[in-house]
Amino acid sequence: MTLADDDRQLLRALCEQHDVRLDKVLKLLETVRDYELMDRPTGFYDAL
């Protein structure tokens, strides 16, 4: 997922603060983005 440098730094800081892996959050955001424009996002929860 492509993020601006400021956004990536903020996300990294938040992940460190909450003890969450950055790569997992980026994958989650990418999955949500892939399904958000679909009329019927079939398989969304399976993809998560």
PDB file of N, CA and C in Angstrom:
ATOM      1  N   MET A   1       0.842  -1.169   0.000  1.00  0.00           N
ATOM      2  CA  MET A   1       0.000   0.000   0.000  1.00  0.00           C
ATOM      3  C   MET A   1       0.889   1.234   0.000  1.00  0.00           C
ATOM      4  N   THR A   2       0.560   2.186  -0.830  1.00  0.00           N
ATOM      5  CA  THR A   2       1.339   3.410  -0.942  1.00  0.00           C
ATOM      6  C   THR A   2       0.762   4.479  -0.017  1.00  0.00           C
ATOM      7  N   LEU A   3       1.594   4.958   0.861  1.00  0.00           N
ATOM      8  CA  LEU A   3       1.213   6.028   1.786  1.00  0.00           C
ATOM      9  C   LEU A   3       2.238   7.138   1.693  1.00  0.00           C
ATOM     10  N   ALA A   4       1.802   8.341   1.983  1.00  0.00           N
ATOM     11  CA  ALA A   4       2.733   9.463   2.079  1.00  0.00           C
ATOM     12  C   ALA A   4       3.685   9.206   3.249  1.00  0.00           C
ATOM     13  N   ASP A   5       4.856   9.766   3.176  1.00  0.00           N
ATOM     14  CA  ASP A   5       5.861   9.538   4.226  1.00  0.00           C
ATOM     15  C   ASP A   5       5.344   9.922   5.608  1.00  0.00           C
ATOM     16  N   ASP A   6       4.655  11.055   5.702  1.00  0.00           N
ATOM     17  CA  ASP A   6       4.106  11.489   6.994  1.00  0.00           C
ATOM     18  C   ASP A   6       3.086  10.489   7.526  1.00  0.00           C
ATOM     19  N   ASP A   7       2.232   9.990   6.628  1.00  0.00           N
ATOM     20  CA  ASP A   7       1.207   9.022   7.032  1.00  0.00           C
ATOM     21  C   ASP A   7       1.849   7.716   7.492  1.00  0.00           C
ATOM     22  N   ARG A   8       2.873   7.276   6.775  1.00  0.00           N
ATOM     23  CA  ARG A   8       3.561   6.031   7.139  1.00  0.00           C
ATOM     24  C   ARG A   8       4.248   6.183   8.499  1.00  0.00           C
ATOM     25  N   GLN A   9       4.864   7.333   8.749  1.00  0.00           N
ATOM     26  CA  GLN A   9       5.518   7.566  10.041  1.00  0.00           C
ATOM     27  C   GLN A   9       4.500   7.579  11.169  1.00  0.00           C
ATOM     28  N   LEU A  10       3.362   8.218  10.942  1.00  0.00           N
ATOM     29  CA  LEU A  10       2.310   8.260  11.954  1.00  0.00           C
ATOM     30  C   LEU A  10       1.776   6.860  12.224  1.00  0.00           C
ATOM     31  N   LEU A  11       1.509   6.109  11.162  1.00  0.00           N
ATOM     32  CA  LEU A  11       1.003   4.745  11.319  1.00  0.00           C
ATOM     33  C   LEU A  11       2.018   3.875  12.044  1.00  0.00           C
ATOM     34  N   ARG A  12       3.290   4.011  11.707  1.00  0.00           N
ATOM     35  CA  ARG A  12       4.341   3.244  12.380  1.00  0.00           C
ATOM     36  C   ARG A  12       4.370   3.579  13.874  1.00  0.00           C
ATOM     37  N   ALA A  13       4.272   4.858  14.204  1.00  0.00           N
ATOM     38  CA  ALA A  13       4.289   5.277  15.613  1.00  0.00           C
ATOM     39  C   ALA A  13       3.084   4.716  16.359  1.00  0.00           C
ATOM     40  N   LEU A  14       1.927   4.751  15.727  1.00  0.00           N
ATOM     41  CA  LEU A  14       0.725   4.211  16.368  1.00  0.00           C
ATOM     42  C   LEU A  14       0.830   2.703  16.574  1.00  0.00           C
ATOM     43  N   CYS A  15       1.366   2.016  15.585  1.00  0.00           N
ATOM     44  CA  CYS A  15       1.537   0.571  15.703  1.00  0.00           C
ATOM     45  C   CYS A  15       2.496   0.226  16.846  1.00  0.00           C
ATOM     46  N   GLU A  16       3.582   0.963  16.950  1.00  0.00           N
ATOM     47  CA  GLU A  16       4.529   0.735  18.040  1.00  0.00           C
ATOM     48  C   GLU A  16       3.888   1.029  19.392  1.00  0.00           C
ATOM     49  N   GLN A  17       3.112   2.101  19.455  1.00  0.00           N
ATOM     50  CA  GLN A  17       2.460   2.499  20.704  1.00  0.00           C
ATOM     51  C   GLN A  17       1.477   1.435  21.175  1.00  0.00           C
ATOM     52  N   HIS A  18       0.788   0.781  20.224  1.00  0.00           N
ATOM     53  CA  HIS A  18      -0.249  -0.190  20.578  1.00  0.00           C
ATOM     54  C   HIS A  18       0.206  -1.637  20.382  1.00  0.00           C
ATOM     55  N   ASP A  19       1.501  -1.813  20.136  1.00  0.00           N
ATOM     56  CA  ASP A  19       2.091  -3.142  19.987  1.00  0.00           C
ATOM     57  C   ASP A  19       1.377  -3.976  18.915  1.00  0.00           C
ATOM     58  N   VAL A  20       1.233  -3.355  17.736  1.00  0.00           N
ATOM     59  CA  VAL A  20       0.597  -3.991  16.582  1.00  0.00           C
ATOM     60  C   VAL A  20       1.611  -3.987  15.448  1.00  0.00           C
ATOM     61  N   ARG A  21       1.636  -5.066  14.690  1.00  0.00           N
ATOM     62  CA  ARG A  21       2.593  -5.147  13.585  1.00  0.00           C
ATOM     63  C   ARG A  21       2.147  -4.277  12.418  1.00  0.00           C
ATOM     64  N   LEU A  22       3.060  -3.459  11.941  1.00  0.00           N
ATOM     65  CA  LEU A  22       2.785  -2.538  10.842  1.00  0.00           C
ATOM     66  C   LEU A  22       2.374  -3.286   9.583  1.00  0.00           C
ATOM     67  N   ASP A  23       3.038  -4.385   9.263  1.00  0.00           N
ATOM     68  CA  ASP A  23       2.716  -5.118   8.042  1.00  0.00           C
ATOM     69  C   ASP A  23       1.287  -5.670   8.075  1.00  0.00           C
ATOM     70  N   LYS A  24       0.815  -6.056   9.248  1.00  0.00           N
ATOM     71  CA  LYS A  24      -0.562  -6.557   9.365  1.00  0.00           C
ATOM     72  C   LYS A  24      -1.577  -5.428   9.144  1.00  0.00           C
ATOM     73  N   VAL A  25      -1.300  -4.256   9.673  1.00  0.00           N
ATOM     74  CA  VAL A  25      -2.198  -3.115   9.494  1.00  0.00           C
ATOM     75  C   VAL A  25      -2.236  -2.688   8.032  1.00  0.00           C
ATOM     76  N   LEU A  26      -1.073  -2.672   7.389  1.00  0.00           N
ATOM     77  CA  LEU A  26      -1.026  -2.309   5.967  1.00  0.00           C
ATOM     78  C   LEU A  26      -1.801  -3.311   5.123  1.00  0.00           C
ATOM     79  N   LYS A  27      -1.699  -4.592   5.452  1.00  0.00           N
ATOM     80  CA  LYS A  27      -2.445  -5.626   4.723  1.00  0.00           C
ATOM     81  C   LYS A  27      -3.945  -5.444   4.951  1.00  0.00           C
ATOM     82  N   LEU A  28      -4.348  -5.132   6.167  1.00  0.00           N
ATOM     83  CA  LEU A  28      -5.756  -4.885   6.477  1.00  0.00           C
ATOM     84  C   LEU A  28      -6.288  -3.692   5.693  1.00  0.00           C
ATOM     85  N   LEU A  29      -5.535  -2.606   5.659  1.00  0.00           N
ATOM     86  CA  LEU A  29      -5.941  -1.414   4.912  1.00  0.00           C
ATOM     87  C   LEU A  29      -6.044  -1.710   3.419  1.00  0.00           C
ATOM     88  N   GLU A  30      -5.133  -2.502   2.906  1.00  0.00           N
ATOM     89  CA  GLU A  30      -5.158  -2.872   1.491  1.00  0.00           C
ATOM     90  C   GLU A  30      -6.391  -3.710   1.167  1.00  0.00           C
ATOM     91  N   THR A  31      -6.736  -4.641   2.035  1.00  0.00           N
ATOM     92  CA  THR A  31      -7.916  -5.484   1.835  1.00  0.00           C
ATOM     93  C   THR A  31      -9.186  -4.645   1.868  1.00  0.00           C
ATOM     94  N   VAL A  32      -9.279  -3.742   2.825  1.00  0.00           N
ATOM     95  CA  VAL A  32     -10.456  -2.871   2.921  1.00  0.00           C
ATOM     96  C   VAL A  32     -10.582  -2.023   1.665  1.00  0.00           C
ATOM     97  N   ARG A  33      -9.464  -1.472   1.190  1.00  0.00           N
ATOM     98  CA  ARG A  33      -9.481  -0.649  -0.015  1.00  0.00           C
ATOM     99  C   ARG A  33      -9.945  -1.462  -1.232  1.00  0.00           C
ATOM    100  N   ASP A  34      -9.510  -2.702  -1.329  1.00  0.00           N
ATOM    101  CA  ASP A  34      -9.891  -3.549  -2.454  1.00  0.00           C
ATOM    102  C   ASP A  34     -11.394  -3.800  -2.504  1.00  0.00           C
ATOM    103  N   TYR A  35     -12.035  -3.887  -1.354  1.00  0.00           N
ATOM    104  CA  TYR A  35     -13.453  -4.229  -1.295  1.00  0.00           C
ATOM    105  C   TYR A  35     -14.379  -3.027  -1.157  1.00  0.00           C
ATOM    106  N   GLU A  36     -13.875  -1.847  -0.821  1.00  0.00           N
ATOM    107  CA  GLU A  36     -14.752  -0.733  -0.471  1.00  0.00           C
ATOM    108  C   GLU A  36     -15.584  -0.196  -1.634  1.00  0.00           C
ATOM    109  N   LEU A  37     -15.144  -0.359  -2.849  1.00  0.00           N
ATOM    110  CA  LEU A  37     -15.889   0.181  -3.984  1.00  0.00           C
ATOM    111  C   LEU A  37     -16.798  -0.844  -4.662  1.00  0.00           C
ATOM    112  N   MET A  38     -16.811  -2.051  -4.159  1.00  0.00           N
ATOM    113  CA  MET A  38     -17.656  -3.089  -4.744  1.00  0.00           C
ATOM    114  C   MET A  38     -19.110  -2.869  -4.331  1.00  0.00           C
ATOM    115  N   ASP A  39     -20.048  -3.154  -5.256  1.00  0.00           N
ATOM    116  CA  ASP A  39     -21.464  -3.057  -4.920  1.00  0.00           C
ATOM    117  C   ASP A  39     -21.845  -4.093  -3.866  1.00  0.00           C
ATOM    118  N   ARG A  40     -21.354  -5.301  -4.056  1.00  0.00           N
ATOM    119  CA  ARG A  40     -21.614  -6.380  -3.102  1.00  0.00           C
ATOM    120  C   ARG A  40     -20.277  -7.012  -2.755  1.00  0.00           C
ATOM    121  N   PRO A  41     -19.685  -6.572  -1.685  1.00  0.00           N
ATOM    122  CA  PRO A  41     -18.338  -7.063  -1.344  1.00  0.00           C
ATOM    123  C   PRO A  41     -18.342  -8.507  -0.829  1.00  0.00           C
ATOM    124  N   THR A  42     -18.732  -9.418  -1.688  1.00  0.00           N
ATOM    125  CA  THR A  42     -18.775 -10.827  -1.335  1.00  0.00           C
ATOM    126  C   THR A  42     -17.383 -11.324  -1.020  1.00  0.00           C
ATOM    127  N   GLY A  43     -17.246 -11.999   0.114  1.00  0.00           N
ATOM    128  CA  GLY A  43     -15.972 -12.546   0.518  1.00  0.00           C
ATOM    129  C   GLY A  43     -15.116 -11.616   1.348  1.00  0.00           C
ATOM    130  N   PHE A  44     -15.652 -10.466   1.708  1.00  0.00           N
ATOM    131  CA  PHE A  44     -14.885  -9.490   2.474  1.00  0.00           C
ATOM    132  C   PHE A  44     -14.405 -10.067   3.804  1.00  0.00           C
ATOM    133  N   TYR A  45     -15.315 -10.653   4.556  1.00  0.00           N
ATOM    134  CA  TYR A  45     -14.935 -11.166   5.878  1.00  0.00           C
ATOM    135  C   TYR A  45     -13.991 -12.360   5.761  1.00  0.00           C
ATOM    136  N   ASP A  46     -14.150 -13.142   4.721  1.00  0.00           N
ATOM    137  CA  ASP A  46     -13.209 -14.236   4.495  1.00  0.00           C
ATOM    138  C   ASP A  46     -11.821 -13.705   4.181  1.00  0.00           C
ATOM    139  N   ALA A  47     -11.759 -12.612   3.446  1.00  0.00           N
ATOM    140  CA  ALA A  47     -10.482 -12.014   3.081  1.00  0.00           C
ATOM    141  C   ALA A  47      -9.768 -11.432   4.298  1.00  0.00           C
ATOM    142  N   LEU A  48     -10.567 -10.955   5.262  1.00  0.00           N
ATOM    143  CA  LEU A  48      -9.948 -10.399   6.465  1.00  0.00           C
ATOM    144  C   LEU A  48      -9.308 -11.501   7.260  1.00  0.00           C
TER     145      LEU A  48
END
